[in-house]
Amino acid sequence: MCGGTTTKEGEQIHLLAFKIKDTKNGQVRCTETQGNGTMLLNETRKDVFVSGKLLGLAGQANNDLDRVGLNKVMFYNEVA
């Protein structure tokens, strides 16, 4: 699903968490999980790896649906 939104529950993001690695000291920290995950389908789970300085994060949802999950998440990082 690229460049659009969806109303299909299995294609929406219902849980979002981050694992952040400090490349200088090697330590890893994790954020709290956001969302309730009641409609999460484990077979559709996707783990995404972003390397480099994360400059921004954006998401989009359709709040008019009965159950709302993010339709799209975008990461912005530094380009060398």
PDB file of N, CA and C in Angstrom:
ATOM      1  N   MET A   1       0.847  -1.171   0.000  1.00  0.00           N
ATOM      2  CA  MET A   1       0.000   0.000   0.000  1.00  0.00           C
ATOM      3  C   MET A   1       0.891   1.232   0.000  1.00  0.00           C
ATOM      4  N   CYS A   2       1.060   1.837  -1.099  1.00  0.00           N
ATOM      5  CA  CYS A   2       1.925   3.006  -1.222  1.00  0.00           C
ATOM      6  C   CYS A   2       1.115   4.191  -1.717  1.00  0.00           C
ATOM      7  N   GLY A   3       1.238   5.316  -1.065  1.00  0.00           N
ATOM      8  CA  GLY A   3       0.653   6.537  -1.588  1.00  0.00           C
ATOM      9  C   GLY A   3      -0.842   6.695  -1.418  1.00  0.00           C
ATOM     10  N   GLY A   4      -1.483   5.892  -0.593  1.00  0.00           N
ATOM     11  CA  GLY A   4      -2.921   6.043  -0.419  1.00  0.00           C
ATOM     12  C   GLY A   4      -3.337   5.638   0.977  1.00  0.00           C
ATOM     13  N   THR A   5      -4.617   5.753   1.250  1.00  0.00           N
ATOM     14  CA  THR A   5      -5.136   5.330   2.543  1.00  0.00           C
ATOM     15  C   THR A   5      -6.038   4.129   2.334  1.00  0.00           C
ATOM     16  N   THR A   6      -6.357   3.443   3.410  1.00  0.00           N
ATOM     17  CA  THR A   6      -7.191   2.254   3.331  1.00  0.00           C
ATOM     18  C   THR A   6      -8.163   2.220   4.496  1.00  0.00           C
ATOM     19  N   THR A   7      -9.277   1.543   4.326  1.00  0.00           N
ATOM     20  CA  THR A   7     -10.219   1.336   5.422  1.00  0.00           C
ATOM     21  C   THR A   7     -10.194  -0.116   5.869  1.00  0.00           C
ATOM     22  N   LYS A   8      -9.361  -0.955   5.263  1.00  0.00           N
ATOM     23  CA  LYS A   8      -9.260  -2.358   5.650  1.00  0.00           C
ATOM     24  C   LYS A   8      -8.491  -2.448   6.957  1.00  0.00           C
ATOM     25  N   GLU A   9      -9.100  -3.085   7.972  1.00  0.00           N
ATOM     26  CA  GLU A   9      -8.489  -3.137   9.298  1.00  0.00           C
ATOM     27  C   GLU A   9      -7.107  -3.776   9.283  1.00  0.00           C
ATOM     28  N   GLY A  10      -6.908  -4.851   8.504  1.00  0.00           N
ATOM     29  CA  GLY A  10      -5.623  -5.538   8.479  1.00  0.00           C
ATOM     30  C   GLY A  10      -4.522  -4.743   7.807  1.00  0.00           C
ATOM     31  N   GLU A  11      -4.871  -3.650   7.147  1.00  0.00           N
ATOM     32  CA  GLU A  11      -3.872  -2.822   6.475  1.00  0.00           C
ATOM     33  C   GLU A  11      -3.633  -1.517   7.213  1.00  0.00           C
ATOM     34  N   GLN A  12      -4.209  -1.387   8.391  1.00  0.00           N
ATOM     35  CA  GLN A  12      -3.995  -0.190   9.190  1.00  0.00           C
ATOM     36  C   GLN A  12      -3.005  -0.490  10.305  1.00  0.00           C
ATOM     37  N   ILE A  13      -2.411   0.556  10.839  1.00  0.00           N
ATOM     38  CA  ILE A  13      -1.447   0.418  11.923  1.00  0.00           C
ATOM     39  C   ILE A  13      -2.185   0.641  13.231  1.00  0.00           C
ATOM     40  N   HIS A  14      -2.193  -0.389  14.080  1.00  0.00           N
ATOM     41  CA  HIS A  14      -2.892  -0.295  15.356  1.00  0.00           C
ATOM     42  C   HIS A  14      -1.938  -0.271  16.546  1.00  0.00           C
ATOM     43  N   LEU A  15      -0.700  -0.698  16.354  1.00  0.00           N
ATOM     44  CA  LEU A  15       0.326  -0.630  17.390  1.00  0.00           C
ATOM     45  C   LEU A  15       1.581  -0.019  16.782  1.00  0.00           C
ATOM     46  N   LEU A  16       2.230   0.851  17.532  1.00  0.00           N
ATOM     47  CA  LEU A  16       3.446   1.492  17.040  1.00  0.00           C
ATOM     48  C   LEU A  16       4.411   1.660  18.209  1.00  0.00           C
ATOM     49  N   ALA A  17       5.627   1.163  18.047  1.00  0.00           N
ATOM     50  CA  ALA A  17       6.657   1.297  19.076  1.00  0.00           C
ATOM     51  C   ALA A  17       7.997   1.491  18.375  1.00  0.00           C
ATOM     52  N   PHE A  18       8.950   2.013  19.103  1.00  0.00           N
ATOM     53  CA  PHE A  18      10.271   2.264  18.532  1.00  0.00           C
ATOM     54  C   PHE A  18      11.353   1.651  19.407  1.00  0.00           C
ATOM     55  N   LYS A  19      12.365   1.081  18.764  1.00  0.00           N
ATOM     56  CA  LYS A  19      13.584   0.632  19.423  1.00  0.00           C
ATOM     57  C   LYS A  19      14.682   1.547  18.889  1.00  0.00           C
ATOM     58  N   ILE A  20      15.353   2.256  19.783  1.00  0.00           N
ATOM     59  CA  ILE A  20      16.318   3.279  19.387  1.00  0.00           C
ATOM     60  C   ILE A  20      17.707   2.863  19.865  1.00  0.00           C
ATOM     61  N   LYS A  21      18.660   2.795  18.932  1.00  0.00           N
ATOM     62  CA  LYS A  21      20.029   2.411  19.271  1.00  0.00           C
ATOM     63  C   LYS A  21      20.930   3.637  19.219  1.00  0.00           C
ATOM     64  N   ASP A  22      21.671   3.852  20.304  1.00  0.00           N
ATOM     65  CA  ASP A  22      22.670   4.913  20.360  1.00  0.00           C
ATOM     66  C   ASP A  22      23.946   4.362  19.732  1.00  0.00           C
ATOM     67  N   THR A  23      24.317   4.863  18.563  1.00  0.00           N
ATOM     68  CA  THR A  23      25.476   4.313  17.853  1.00  0.00           C
ATOM     69  C   THR A  23      26.800   4.680  18.515  1.00  0.00           C
ATOM     70  N   LYS A  24      26.793   5.652  19.414  1.00  0.00           N
ATOM     71  CA  LYS A  24      28.041   6.037  20.088  1.00  0.00           C
ATOM     72  C   LYS A  24      28.368   5.103  21.244  1.00  0.00           C
ATOM     73  N   ASN A  25      27.347   4.701  22.030  1.00  0.00           N
ATOM     74  CA  ASN A  25      27.632   3.838  23.178  1.00  0.00           C
ATOM     75  C   ASN A  25      27.024   2.436  23.042  1.00  0.00           C
ATOM     76  N   GLY A  26      26.282   2.184  21.969  1.00  0.00           N
ATOM     77  CA  GLY A  26      25.724   0.857  21.721  1.00  0.00           C
ATOM     78  C   GLY A  26      24.482   0.514  22.520  1.00  0.00           C
ATOM     79  N   GLN A  27      24.029   1.419  23.377  1.00  0.00           N
ATOM     80  CA  GLN A  27      22.846   1.137  24.187  1.00  0.00           C
ATOM     81  C   GLN A  27      21.575   1.224  23.349  1.00  0.00           C
ATOM     82  N   VAL A  28      20.601   0.401  23.724  1.00  0.00           N
ATOM     83  CA  VAL A  28      19.309   0.368  23.038  1.00  0.00           C
ATOM     84  C   VAL A  28      18.224   0.712  24.047  1.00  0.00           C
ATOM     85  N   ARG A  29      17.299   1.546  23.642  1.00  0.00           N
ATOM     86  CA  ARG A  29      16.135   1.840  24.491  1.00  0.00           C
ATOM     87  C   ARG A  29      14.875   1.670  23.660  1.00  0.00           C
ATOM     88  N   CYS A  30      13.799   1.356  24.333  1.00  0.00           N
ATOM     89  CA  CYS A  30      12.521   1.126  23.659  1.00  0.00           C
ATOM     90  C   CYS A  30      11.487   2.120  24.167  1.00  0.00           C
ATOM     91  N   THR A  31      10.626   2.555  23.274  1.00  0.00           N
ATOM     92  CA  THR A  31       9.540   3.444  23.670  1.00  0.00           C
ATOM     93  C   THR A  31       8.360   2.607  24.142  1.00  0.00           C
ATOM     94  N   GLU A  32       7.423   3.251  24.779  1.00  0.00           N
ATOM     95  CA  GLU A  32       6.162   2.589  25.108  1.00  0.00           C
ATOM     96  C   GLU A  32       5.412   2.321  23.812  1.00  0.00           C
ATOM     97  N   THR A  33       4.625   1.266  23.775  1.00  0.00           N
ATOM     98  CA  THR A  33       3.811   0.957  22.608  1.00  0.00           C
ATOM     99  C   THR A  33       2.598   1.880  22.591  1.00  0.00           C
ATOM    100  N   GLN A  34       2.335   2.464  21.437  1.00  0.00           N
ATOM    101  CA  GLN A  34       1.179   3.341  21.251  1.00  0.00           C
ATOM    102  C   GLN A  34       0.076   2.561  20.536  1.00  0.00           C
ATOM    103  N   GLY A  35      -1.165   2.770  20.936  1.00  0.00           N
ATOM    104  CA  GLY A  35      -2.299   2.075  20.325  1.00  0.00           C
ATOM    105  C   GLY A  35      -2.776   0.944  21.220  1.00  0.00           C
ATOM    106  N   ASN A  36      -3.950   0.386  20.896  1.00  0.00           N
ATOM    107  CA  ASN A  36      -4.476  -0.692  21.731  1.00  0.00           C
ATOM    108  C   ASN A  36      -4.380  -2.061  21.079  1.00  0.00           C
ATOM    109  N   GLY A  37      -4.205  -2.128  19.783  1.00  0.00           N
ATOM    110  CA  GLY A  37      -3.962  -3.395  19.108  1.00  0.00           C
ATOM    111  C   GLY A  37      -5.113  -4.373  19.077  1.00  0.00           C
ATOM    112  N   THR A  38      -6.337  -3.923  19.351  1.00  0.00           N
ATOM    113  CA  THR A  38      -7.462  -4.860  19.388  1.00  0.00           C
ATOM    114  C   THR A  38      -7.743  -5.484  18.032  1.00  0.00           C
ATOM    115  N   MET A  39      -7.387  -4.819  16.948  1.00  0.00           N
ATOM    116  CA  MET A  39      -7.627  -5.361  15.611  1.00  0.00           C
ATOM    117  C   MET A  39      -6.329  -5.810  14.938  1.00  0.00           C
ATOM    118  N   LEU A  40      -5.235  -5.949  15.727  1.00  0.00           N
ATOM    119  CA  LEU A  40      -3.944  -6.339  15.171  1.00  0.00           C
ATOM    120  C   LEU A  40      -3.993  -7.766  14.638  1.00  0.00           C
ATOM    121  N   LEU A  41      -3.554  -7.958  13.414  1.00  0.00           N
ATOM    122  CA  LEU A  41      -3.420  -9.289  12.821  1.00  0.00           C
ATOM    123  C   LEU A  41      -1.933  -9.612  12.764  1.00  0.00           C
ATOM    124  N   ASN A  42      -1.473 -10.534  13.619  1.00  0.00           N
ATOM    125  CA  ASN A  42      -0.039 -10.836  13.672  1.00  0.00           C
ATOM    126  C   ASN A  42       0.519 -11.294  12.339  1.00  0.00           C
ATOM    127  N   GLU A  43      -0.294 -11.971  11.524  1.00  0.00           N
ATOM    128  CA  GLU A  43       0.209 -12.446  10.233  1.00  0.00           C
ATOM    129  C   GLU A  43       0.479 -11.303   9.258  1.00  0.00           C
ATOM    130  N   THR A  44      -0.024 -10.105   9.541  1.00  0.00           N
ATOM    131  CA  THR A  44       0.243  -8.954   8.675  1.00  0.00           C
ATOM    132  C   THR A  44       1.267  -8.001   9.289  1.00  0.00           C
ATOM    133  N   ARG A  45       1.844  -8.383  10.432  1.00  0.00           N
ATOM    134  CA  ARG A  45       2.802  -7.521  11.125  1.00  0.00           C
ATOM    135  C   ARG A  45       4.013  -7.241  10.242  1.00  0.00           C
ATOM    136  N   LYS A  46       4.462  -6.009  10.275  1.00  0.00           N
ATOM    137  CA  LYS A  46       5.652  -5.599   9.530  1.00  0.00           C
ATOM    138  C   LYS A  46       6.585  -4.854  10.482  1.00  0.00           C
ATOM    139  N   ASP A  47       7.838  -5.263  10.534  1.00  0.00           N
ATOM    140  CA  ASP A  47       8.857  -4.534  11.269  1.00  0.00           C
ATOM    141  C   ASP A  47       9.642  -3.718  10.256  1.00  0.00           C
ATOM    142  N   VAL A  48       9.855  -2.456  10.563  1.00  0.00           N
ATOM    143  CA  VAL A  48      10.525  -1.543   9.644  1.00  0.00           C
ATOM    144  C   VAL A  48      11.819  -1.074  10.289  1.00  0.00           C
ATOM    145  N   PHE A  49      12.897  -1.050   9.522  1.00  0.00           N
ATOM    146  CA  PHE A  49      14.186  -0.581  10.004  1.00  0.00           C
ATOM    147  C   PHE A  49      14.525   0.728   9.311  1.00  0.00           C
ATOM    148  N   VAL A  50      14.806   1.757  10.105  1.00  0.00           N
ATOM    149  CA  VAL A  50      15.225   3.053   9.569  1.00  0.00           C
ATOM    150  C   VAL A  50      16.590   3.356  10.161  1.00  0.00           C
ATOM    151  N   SER A  51      17.557   3.631   9.312  1.00  0.00           N
ATOM    152  CA  SER A  51      18.910   3.915   9.764  1.00  0.00           C
ATOM    153  C   SER A  51      19.242   5.374   9.492  1.00  0.00           C
ATOM    154  N   GLY A  52      19.992   5.971  10.379  1.00  0.00           N
ATOM    155  CA  GLY A  52      20.382   7.367  10.204  1.00  0.00           C
ATOM    156  C   GLY A  52      19.640   8.258  11.184  1.00  0.00           C
ATOM    157  N   LYS A  53      19.875   9.540  11.061  1.00  0.00           N
ATOM    158  CA  LYS A  53      19.212  10.503  11.941  1.00  0.00           C
ATOM    159  C   LYS A  53      17.756  10.643  11.525  1.00  0.00           C
ATOM    160  N   LEU A  54      16.872  10.309  12.437  1.00  0.00           N
ATOM    161  CA  LEU A  54      15.440  10.451  12.169  1.00  0.00           C
ATOM    162  C   LEU A  54      15.049  11.904  12.402  1.00  0.00           C
ATOM    163  N   LEU A  55      14.637  12.575  11.351  1.00  0.00           N
ATOM    164  CA  LEU A  55      14.309  13.996  11.436  1.00  0.00           C
ATOM    165  C   LEU A  55      12.833  14.244  11.667  1.00  0.00           C
ATOM    166  N   GLY A  56      11.998  13.287  11.290  1.00  0.00           N
ATOM    167  CA  GLY A  56      10.572  13.507  11.467  1.00  0.00           C
ATOM    168  C   GLY A  56       9.770  12.245  11.253  1.00  0.00           C
ATOM    169  N   LEU A  57       8.564  12.261  11.751  1.00  0.00           N
ATOM    170  CA  LEU A  57       7.627  11.157  11.629  1.00  0.00           C
ATOM    171  C   LEU A  57       6.255  11.756  11.390  1.00  0.00           C
ATOM    172  N   ALA A  58       5.531  11.221  10.437  1.00  0.00           N
ATOM    173  CA  ALA A  58       4.186  11.724  10.150  1.00  0.00           C
ATOM    174  C   ALA A  58       3.246  10.541  10.004  1.00  0.00           C
ATOM    175  N   GLY A  59       2.005  10.730  10.366  1.00  0.00           N
ATOM    176  CA  GLY A  59       1.003   9.684  10.219  1.00  0.00           C
ATOM    177  C   GLY A  59      -0.304  10.272   9.727  1.00  0.00           C
ATOM    178  N   GLN A  60      -1.148   9.402   9.189  1.00  0.00           N
ATOM    179  CA  GLN A  60      -2.444   9.848   8.679  1.00  0.00           C
ATOM    180  C   GLN A  60      -3.495   8.828   9.082  1.00  0.00           C
ATOM    181  N   ALA A  61      -4.653   9.287   9.532  1.00  0.00           N
ATOM    182  CA  ALA A  61      -5.759   8.408   9.905  1.00  0.00           C
ATOM    183  C   ALA A  61      -7.063   9.017   9.417  1.00  0.00           C
ATOM    184  N   ASN A  62      -8.057   8.164   9.248  1.00  0.00           N
ATOM    185  CA  ASN A  62      -9.401   8.621   8.898  1.00  0.00           C
ATOM    186  C   ASN A  62     -10.254   8.503  10.149  1.00  0.00           C
ATOM    187  N   ASN A  63     -10.505   9.612  10.826  1.00  0.00           N
ATOM    188  CA  ASN A  63     -11.236   9.604  12.087  1.00  0.00           C
ATOM    189  C   ASN A  63     -12.734   9.393  11.928  1.00  0.00           C
ATOM    190  N   ASP A  64     -13.226   9.292  10.702  1.00  0.00           N
ATOM    191  CA  ASP A  64     -14.651   9.067  10.478  1.00  0.00           C
ATOM    192  C   ASP A  64     -15.027   7.586  10.493  1.00  0.00           C
ATOM    193  N   LEU A  65     -14.055   6.686  10.569  1.00  0.00           N
ATOM    194  CA  LEU A  65     -14.335   5.253  10.575  1.00  0.00           C
ATOM    195  C   LEU A  65     -14.794   4.799  11.954  1.00  0.00           C
ATOM    196  N   ASP A  66     -15.455   3.628  12.023  1.00  0.00           N
ATOM    197  CA  ASP A  66     -15.881   3.074  13.313  1.00  0.00           C
ATOM    198  C   ASP A  66     -14.682   2.749  14.197  1.00  0.00           C
ATOM    199  N   ARG A  67     -13.653   2.156  13.595  1.00  0.00           N
ATOM    200  CA  ARG A  67     -12.417   1.848  14.317  1.00  0.00           C
ATOM    201  C   ARG A  67     -11.285   2.531  13.577  1.00  0.00           C
ATOM    202  N   VAL A  68     -10.504   3.273  14.308  1.00  0.00           N
ATOM    203  CA  VAL A  68      -9.482   4.090  13.657  1.00  0.00           C
ATOM    204  C   VAL A  68      -8.093   3.514  13.917  1.00  0.00           C
ATOM    205  N   GLY A  69      -7.333   3.361  12.864  1.00  0.00           N
ATOM    206  CA  GLY A  69      -5.915   3.027  12.934  1.00  0.00           C
ATOM    207  C   GLY A  69      -5.205   3.932  11.945  1.00  0.00           C
ATOM    208  N   LEU A  70      -3.913   4.058  12.087  1.00  0.00           N
ATOM    209  CA  LEU A  70      -3.172   4.875  11.125  1.00  0.00           C
ATOM    210  C   LEU A  70      -3.204   4.210   9.762  1.00  0.00           C
ATOM    211  N   ASN A  71      -3.462   4.997   8.744  1.00  0.00           N
ATOM    212  CA  ASN A  71      -3.460   4.486   7.379  1.00  0.00           C
ATOM    213  C   ASN A  71      -2.080   4.563   6.753  1.00  0.00           C
ATOM    214  N   LYS A  72      -1.261   5.467   7.238  1.00  0.00           N
ATOM    215  CA  LYS A  72       0.030   5.717   6.600  1.00  0.00           C
ATOM    216  C   LYS A  72       0.984   6.285   7.646  1.00  0.00           C
ATOM    217  N   VAL A  73       2.219   5.810   7.652  1.00  0.00           N
ATOM    218  CA  VAL A  73       3.268   6.369   8.504  1.00  0.00           C
ATOM    219  C   VAL A  73       4.466   6.658   7.610  1.00  0.00           C
ATOM    220  N   MET A  74       5.035   7.839   7.747  1.00  0.00           N
ATOM    221  CA  MET A  74       6.182   8.232   6.934  1.00  0.00           C
ATOM    222  C   MET A  74       7.343   8.632   7.841  1.00  0.00           C
ATOM    223  N   PHE A  75       8.542   8.179   7.508  1.00  0.00           N
ATOM    224  CA  PHE A  75       9.746   8.539   8.237  1.00  0.00           C
ATOM    225  C   PHE A  75      10.576   9.464   7.362  1.00  0.00           C
ATOM    226  N   TYR A  76      11.140  10.465   7.981  1.00  0.00           N
ATOM    227  CA  TYR A  76      12.024  11.393   7.271  1.00  0.00           C
ATOM    228  C   TYR A  76      13.385  11.328   7.942  1.00  0.00           C
ATOM    229  N   ASN A  77      14.421  11.011   7.166  1.00  0.00           N
ATOM    230  CA  ASN A  77      15.748  10.992   7.762  1.00  0.00           C
ATOM    231  C   ASN A  77      16.730  11.790   6.918  1.00  0.00           C
ATOM    232  N   GLU A  78      17.878  12.037   7.502  1.00  0.00           N
ATOM    233  CA  GLU A  78      18.905  12.859   6.868  1.00  0.00           C
ATOM    234  C   GLU A  78      19.505  12.128   5.667  1.00  0.00           C
ATOM    235  N   VAL A  79      19.653  12.827   4.572  1.00  0.00           N
ATOM    236  CA  VAL A  79      20.281  12.267   3.377  1.00  0.00           C
ATOM    237  C   VAL A  79      21.673  12.864   3.270  1.00  0.00           C
ATOM    238  N   ALA A  80      22.664  11.992   3.184  1.00  0.00           N
ATOM    239  CA  ALA A  80      24.059  12.469   3.138  1.00  0.00           C
ATOM    240  C   ALA A  80      24.405  13.016   1.774  1.00  0.00           C
TER     241      ALA A  80
END
